[in-house]
Amino acid sequence: MIVQLPLSTDTPQTFSIQLGDSTYQFTLRWNDRSSVWQMDMADATSGDAIVSGIGLVLGTDLLLPYSLGIGGLMVVDETGTHTEATLDSLGSTTNVYWLSSDELTSS
């Protein structure tokens, strides 16, 4: 099952969402210096950090370097122009999708 994260242009923004069998808390904020959205992910129950400070960039599984076994997160430019997320595009023309581990291995 592919799940779209409920994003907006609010900064910072924090929300919890169930992905697979677990619930995670996400915090996203805009980094003015780098002009990039950054994401932290934590276990929603314990609050324990899973990853922090990941830049939301197109074309890669954001969780792949961490070998977490919880699926992957992909940033998608819905316009098809391969434009990175801007302060004003997150949640509208740029979205983040979670894919289960099974979906990642079948693609």
N, C-alpha and C. Protein backbone atom coordinates (compact mmCIF):
# COMPACT_ATOMS: atom_id res chain seq x y z
N MET A 1 0.83 -1.18 0.00
CA MET A 1 0.00 0.00 0.00
C MET A 1 0.88 1.25 0.00
N ILE A 2 0.67 2.13 -0.94
CA ILE A 2 1.39 3.40 -1.01
C ILE A 2 0.59 4.44 -0.24
N VAL A 3 1.27 5.21 0.60
CA VAL A 3 0.61 6.22 1.44
C VAL A 3 1.24 7.58 1.17
N GLN A 4 0.39 8.57 0.90
CA GLN A 4 0.87 9.94 0.74
C GLN A 4 0.90 10.61 2.10
N LEU A 5 2.04 11.20 2.47
CA LEU A 5 2.13 11.90 3.74
C LEU A 5 1.33 13.20 3.66
N PRO A 6 0.63 13.57 4.76
CA PRO A 6 -0.22 14.77 4.77
C PRO A 6 0.60 16.05 4.98
N LEU A 7 1.18 16.56 3.93
CA LEU A 7 2.09 17.69 4.02
C LEU A 7 1.40 19.00 3.69
N SER A 8 2.00 20.08 4.19
CA SER A 8 1.54 21.43 3.87
C SER A 8 2.77 22.33 3.80
N THR A 9 2.56 23.60 3.57
CA THR A 9 3.68 24.54 3.54
C THR A 9 3.94 25.17 4.91
N ASP A 10 3.20 24.73 5.94
CA ASP A 10 3.45 25.24 7.28
C ASP A 10 4.86 24.83 7.72
N THR A 11 5.56 25.74 8.35
CA THR A 11 6.88 25.40 8.86
C THR A 11 7.06 25.98 10.25
N PRO A 12 7.40 25.19 11.23
CA PRO A 12 7.52 23.74 11.12
C PRO A 12 6.14 23.08 11.14
N GLN A 13 6.11 21.83 10.73
CA GLN A 13 4.87 21.05 10.80
C GLN A 13 5.19 19.70 11.43
N THR A 14 4.27 19.23 12.25
CA THR A 14 4.45 17.94 12.92
C THR A 14 3.13 17.18 12.82
N PHE A 15 3.23 15.89 12.51
CA PHE A 15 2.06 15.04 12.42
C PHE A 15 2.47 13.60 12.66
N SER A 16 1.49 12.78 13.03
CA SER A 16 1.71 11.34 13.20
C SER A 16 0.88 10.62 12.15
N ILE A 17 1.42 9.50 11.65
CA ILE A 17 0.74 8.74 10.62
C ILE A 17 1.13 7.27 10.73
N GLN A 18 0.16 6.40 10.48
CA GLN A 18 0.44 4.97 10.48
C GLN A 18 0.97 4.58 9.11
N LEU A 19 2.11 3.92 9.11
CA LEU A 19 2.73 3.40 7.90
C LEU A 19 3.00 1.92 8.14
N GLY A 20 2.28 1.08 7.45
CA GLY A 20 2.39 -0.35 7.73
C GLY A 20 1.81 -0.66 9.09
N ASP A 21 2.57 -1.38 9.91
CA ASP A 21 2.10 -1.78 11.24
C ASP A 21 2.46 -0.80 12.35
N SER A 22 3.16 0.26 12.03
CA SER A 22 3.64 1.19 13.06
C SER A 22 3.19 2.61 12.78
N THR A 23 3.19 3.42 13.83
CA THR A 23 2.85 4.83 13.72
C THR A 23 4.09 5.66 13.97
N TYR A 24 4.30 6.63 13.10
CA TYR A 24 5.50 7.47 13.17
C TYR A 24 5.10 8.93 13.29
N GLN A 25 5.97 9.69 13.94
CA GLN A 25 5.79 11.13 14.03
C GLN A 25 6.82 11.79 13.12
N PHE A 26 6.34 12.70 12.30
CA PHE A 26 7.21 13.43 11.37
C PHE A 26 7.22 14.90 11.76
N THR A 27 8.37 15.51 11.68
CA THR A 27 8.51 16.95 11.83
C THR A 27 9.27 17.45 10.61
N LEU A 28 8.70 18.44 9.94
CA LEU A 28 9.34 19.01 8.76
C LEU A 28 9.51 20.50 8.98
N ARG A 29 10.62 21.01 8.50
CA ARG A 29 10.90 22.43 8.62
C ARG A 29 11.68 22.88 7.39
N TRP A 30 11.53 24.14 7.04
CA TRP A 30 12.23 24.72 5.90
C TRP A 30 13.58 25.24 6.36
N ASN A 31 14.64 24.88 5.66
CA ASN A 31 15.99 25.36 5.96
C ASN A 31 16.29 26.51 4.98
N ASP A 32 16.24 27.74 5.50
CA ASP A 32 16.46 28.91 4.65
C ASP A 32 17.85 28.91 4.01
N ARG A 33 18.84 28.55 4.78
CA ARG A 33 20.22 28.60 4.29
C ARG A 33 20.42 27.67 3.09
N SER A 34 19.88 26.46 3.17
CA SER A 34 20.05 25.48 2.10
C SER A 34 18.90 25.48 1.09
N SER A 35 17.84 26.20 1.40
CA SER A 35 16.62 26.21 0.57
C SER A 35 16.12 24.79 0.32
N VAL A 36 15.96 24.05 1.41
CA VAL A 36 15.47 22.68 1.32
C VAL A 36 14.61 22.37 2.54
N TRP A 37 13.59 21.53 2.31
CA TRP A 37 12.80 21.01 3.42
C TRP A 37 13.61 19.91 4.10
N GLN A 38 13.60 19.88 5.42
CA GLN A 38 14.26 18.82 6.18
C GLN A 38 13.24 18.10 7.03
N MET A 39 13.49 16.80 7.22
CA MET A 39 12.52 15.93 7.89
C MET A 39 13.18 15.15 9.02
N ASP A 40 12.47 15.07 10.13
CA ASP A 40 12.83 14.18 11.24
C ASP A 40 11.71 13.15 11.34
N MET A 41 12.07 11.93 11.71
CA MET A 41 11.09 10.84 11.86
C MET A 41 11.36 10.16 13.19
N ALA A 42 10.29 9.93 13.96
CA ALA A 42 10.42 9.31 15.28
C ALA A 42 9.32 8.27 15.47
N ASP A 43 9.53 7.38 16.40
CA ASP A 43 8.49 6.44 16.80
C ASP A 43 7.43 7.24 17.54
N ALA A 44 6.19 7.17 17.11
CA ALA A 44 5.12 8.00 17.70
C ALA A 44 4.80 7.60 19.13
N THR A 45 5.01 6.34 19.48
CA THR A 45 4.69 5.89 20.82
C THR A 45 5.76 6.31 21.83
N SER A 46 7.01 6.01 21.53
CA SER A 46 8.10 6.28 22.47
C SER A 46 8.72 7.65 22.29
N GLY A 47 8.57 8.23 21.11
CA GLY A 47 9.21 9.50 20.81
C GLY A 47 10.67 9.35 20.42
N ASP A 48 11.16 8.10 20.37
CA ASP A 48 12.56 7.86 20.01
C ASP A 48 12.82 8.25 18.56
N ALA A 49 13.88 9.02 18.34
CA ALA A 49 14.24 9.44 16.99
C ALA A 49 14.65 8.24 16.15
N ILE A 50 14.22 8.23 14.91
CA ILE A 50 14.62 7.19 13.95
C ILE A 50 15.65 7.78 12.99
N VAL A 51 15.32 8.92 12.38
CA VAL A 51 16.25 9.67 11.53
C VAL A 51 15.99 11.15 11.74
N SER A 52 17.02 11.95 11.53
CA SER A 52 16.87 13.40 11.73
C SER A 52 17.60 14.16 10.63
N GLY A 53 17.01 15.27 10.24
CA GLY A 53 17.67 16.19 9.33
C GLY A 53 17.80 15.73 7.89
N ILE A 54 16.92 14.83 7.45
CA ILE A 54 16.98 14.35 6.07
C ILE A 54 16.45 15.43 5.14
N GLY A 55 17.22 15.77 4.12
CA GLY A 55 16.77 16.71 3.10
C GLY A 55 15.79 16.04 2.16
N LEU A 56 14.68 16.69 1.87
CA LEU A 56 13.69 16.14 0.94
C LEU A 56 14.14 16.44 -0.49
N VAL A 57 14.76 15.45 -1.11
CA VAL A 57 15.26 15.60 -2.48
C VAL A 57 14.64 14.53 -3.37
N LEU A 58 14.47 14.88 -4.62
CA LEU A 58 13.87 13.98 -5.60
C LEU A 58 14.82 12.83 -5.96
N GLY A 59 14.23 11.73 -6.42
CA GLY A 59 15.00 10.70 -7.09
C GLY A 59 15.68 9.66 -6.24
N THR A 60 15.35 9.58 -4.97
CA THR A 60 15.99 8.57 -4.13
C THR A 60 15.06 8.16 -2.99
N ASP A 61 15.27 6.96 -2.49
CA ASP A 61 14.56 6.51 -1.29
C ASP A 61 15.25 7.17 -0.10
N LEU A 62 14.56 8.06 0.58
CA LEU A 62 15.15 8.82 1.68
C LEU A 62 15.61 7.93 2.84
N LEU A 63 15.00 6.75 3.00
CA LEU A 63 15.34 5.87 4.11
C LEU A 63 16.37 4.80 3.75
N LEU A 64 16.69 4.64 2.47
CA LEU A 64 17.59 3.58 2.03
C LEU A 64 18.94 3.56 2.77
N PRO A 65 19.60 4.69 3.00
CA PRO A 65 20.91 4.64 3.66
C PRO A 65 20.87 4.11 5.10
N TYR A 66 19.69 4.05 5.69
CA TYR A 66 19.58 3.69 7.10
C TYR A 66 19.22 2.21 7.32
N SER A 67 18.87 1.49 6.28
CA SER A 67 18.54 0.05 6.37
C SER A 67 17.61 -0.25 7.54
N LEU A 68 16.49 0.45 7.61
CA LEU A 68 15.56 0.31 8.72
C LEU A 68 14.57 -0.83 8.54
N GLY A 69 14.35 -1.26 7.31
CA GLY A 69 13.40 -2.33 7.06
C GLY A 69 11.95 -1.93 7.27
N ILE A 70 11.65 -0.64 7.14
CA ILE A 70 10.28 -0.16 7.37
C ILE A 70 9.67 0.43 6.11
N GLY A 71 10.25 0.12 4.97
CA GLY A 71 9.77 0.68 3.72
C GLY A 71 10.61 1.87 3.33
N GLY A 72 10.11 2.65 2.38
CA GLY A 72 10.87 3.78 1.89
C GLY A 72 10.02 5.01 1.73
N LEU A 73 10.68 6.15 1.65
CA LEU A 73 10.02 7.44 1.43
C LEU A 73 10.58 8.06 0.17
N MET A 74 9.69 8.44 -0.74
CA MET A 74 10.09 9.01 -2.01
C MET A 74 9.45 10.39 -2.18
N VAL A 75 10.25 11.36 -2.61
CA VAL A 75 9.75 12.69 -2.91
C VAL A 75 9.40 12.72 -4.40
N VAL A 76 8.20 13.19 -4.71
CA VAL A 76 7.71 13.19 -6.09
C VAL A 76 7.28 14.60 -6.49
N ASP A 77 7.81 15.05 -7.63
CA ASP A 77 7.36 16.31 -8.23
C ASP A 77 6.18 15.97 -9.12
N GLU A 78 4.99 16.37 -8.70
CA GLU A 78 3.76 16.02 -9.41
C GLU A 78 3.63 16.73 -10.76
N THR A 79 4.46 17.75 -11.00
CA THR A 79 4.38 18.47 -12.27
C THR A 79 5.14 17.75 -13.38
N GLY A 80 6.01 16.82 -13.01
CA GLY A 80 6.81 16.10 -14.00
C GLY A 80 7.99 16.90 -14.53
N THR A 81 8.29 18.04 -13.90
CA THR A 81 9.40 18.88 -14.36
C THR A 81 10.68 18.64 -13.56
N HIS A 82 10.66 17.71 -12.64
CA HIS A 82 11.82 17.37 -11.80
C HIS A 82 12.31 18.57 -10.99
N THR A 83 11.35 19.32 -10.46
CA THR A 83 11.66 20.50 -9.65
C THR A 83 11.64 20.12 -8.18
N GLU A 84 12.74 20.43 -7.48
CA GLU A 84 12.82 20.14 -6.05
C GLU A 84 11.75 20.93 -5.29
N ALA A 85 11.41 20.44 -4.11
CA ALA A 85 10.42 21.10 -3.26
C ALA A 85 10.88 22.51 -2.89
N THR A 86 9.96 23.44 -2.97
CA THR A 86 10.23 24.81 -2.55
C THR A 86 9.42 25.08 -1.29
N LEU A 87 9.63 26.24 -0.72
CA LEU A 87 8.88 26.62 0.48
C LEU A 87 7.39 26.57 0.22
N ASP A 88 6.97 26.90 -1.00
CA ASP A 88 5.55 26.99 -1.32
C ASP A 88 4.96 25.78 -2.04
N SER A 89 5.78 24.77 -2.37
CA SER A 89 5.25 23.66 -3.18
C SER A 89 4.99 22.38 -2.38
N LEU A 90 5.51 22.30 -1.16
CA LEU A 90 5.34 21.06 -0.40
C LEU A 90 3.87 20.81 -0.09
N GLY A 91 3.42 19.61 -0.41
CA GLY A 91 2.03 19.24 -0.16
C GLY A 91 1.09 19.60 -1.30
N SER A 92 1.59 20.31 -2.30
CA SER A 92 0.76 20.61 -3.46
C SER A 92 1.39 19.99 -4.71
N THR A 93 2.43 20.62 -5.24
CA THR A 93 3.06 20.04 -6.43
C THR A 93 4.23 19.12 -6.09
N THR A 94 4.68 19.13 -4.85
CA THR A 94 5.72 18.20 -4.39
C THR A 94 5.18 17.45 -3.19
N ASN A 95 5.20 16.12 -3.27
CA ASN A 95 4.66 15.28 -2.20
C ASN A 95 5.65 14.19 -1.82
N VAL A 96 5.42 13.61 -0.65
CA VAL A 96 6.25 12.49 -0.18
C VAL A 96 5.34 11.28 -0.01
N TYR A 97 5.79 10.15 -0.54
CA TYR A 97 5.03 8.91 -0.48
C TYR A 97 5.83 7.84 0.24
N TRP A 98 5.13 7.06 1.06
CA TRP A 98 5.72 5.90 1.71
C TRP A 98 5.35 4.67 0.90
N LEU A 99 6.35 3.81 0.67
CA LEU A 99 6.15 2.53 0.01
C LEU A 99 6.60 1.43 0.96
N SER A 100 5.82 0.37 1.05
CA SER A 100 6.18 -0.74 1.92
C SER A 100 7.45 -1.41 1.37
N SER A 101 8.09 -2.21 2.20
CA SER A 101 9.28 -2.96 1.77
C SER A 101 8.96 -3.85 0.59
N ASP A 102 7.77 -4.48 0.59
CA ASP A 102 7.36 -5.33 -0.53
C ASP A 102 7.25 -4.53 -1.82
N GLU A 103 6.71 -3.34 -1.74
CA GLU A 103 6.57 -2.50 -2.94
C GLU A 103 7.93 -2.05 -3.46
N LEU A 104 8.85 -1.81 -2.56
CA LEU A 104 10.18 -1.38 -2.98
C LEU A 104 10.92 -2.51 -3.73
N THR A 105 10.75 -3.74 -3.26
CA THR A 105 11.47 -4.85 -3.89
C THR A 105 10.83 -5.26 -5.20
N SER A 106 9.55 -4.94 -5.40
CA SER A 106 8.88 -5.33 -6.66
C SER A 106 9.01 -4.28 -7.74
N SER A 107 9.52 -3.07 -7.40
CA SER A 107 9.62 -2.03 -8.42
C SER A 107 10.95 -2.04 -9.13
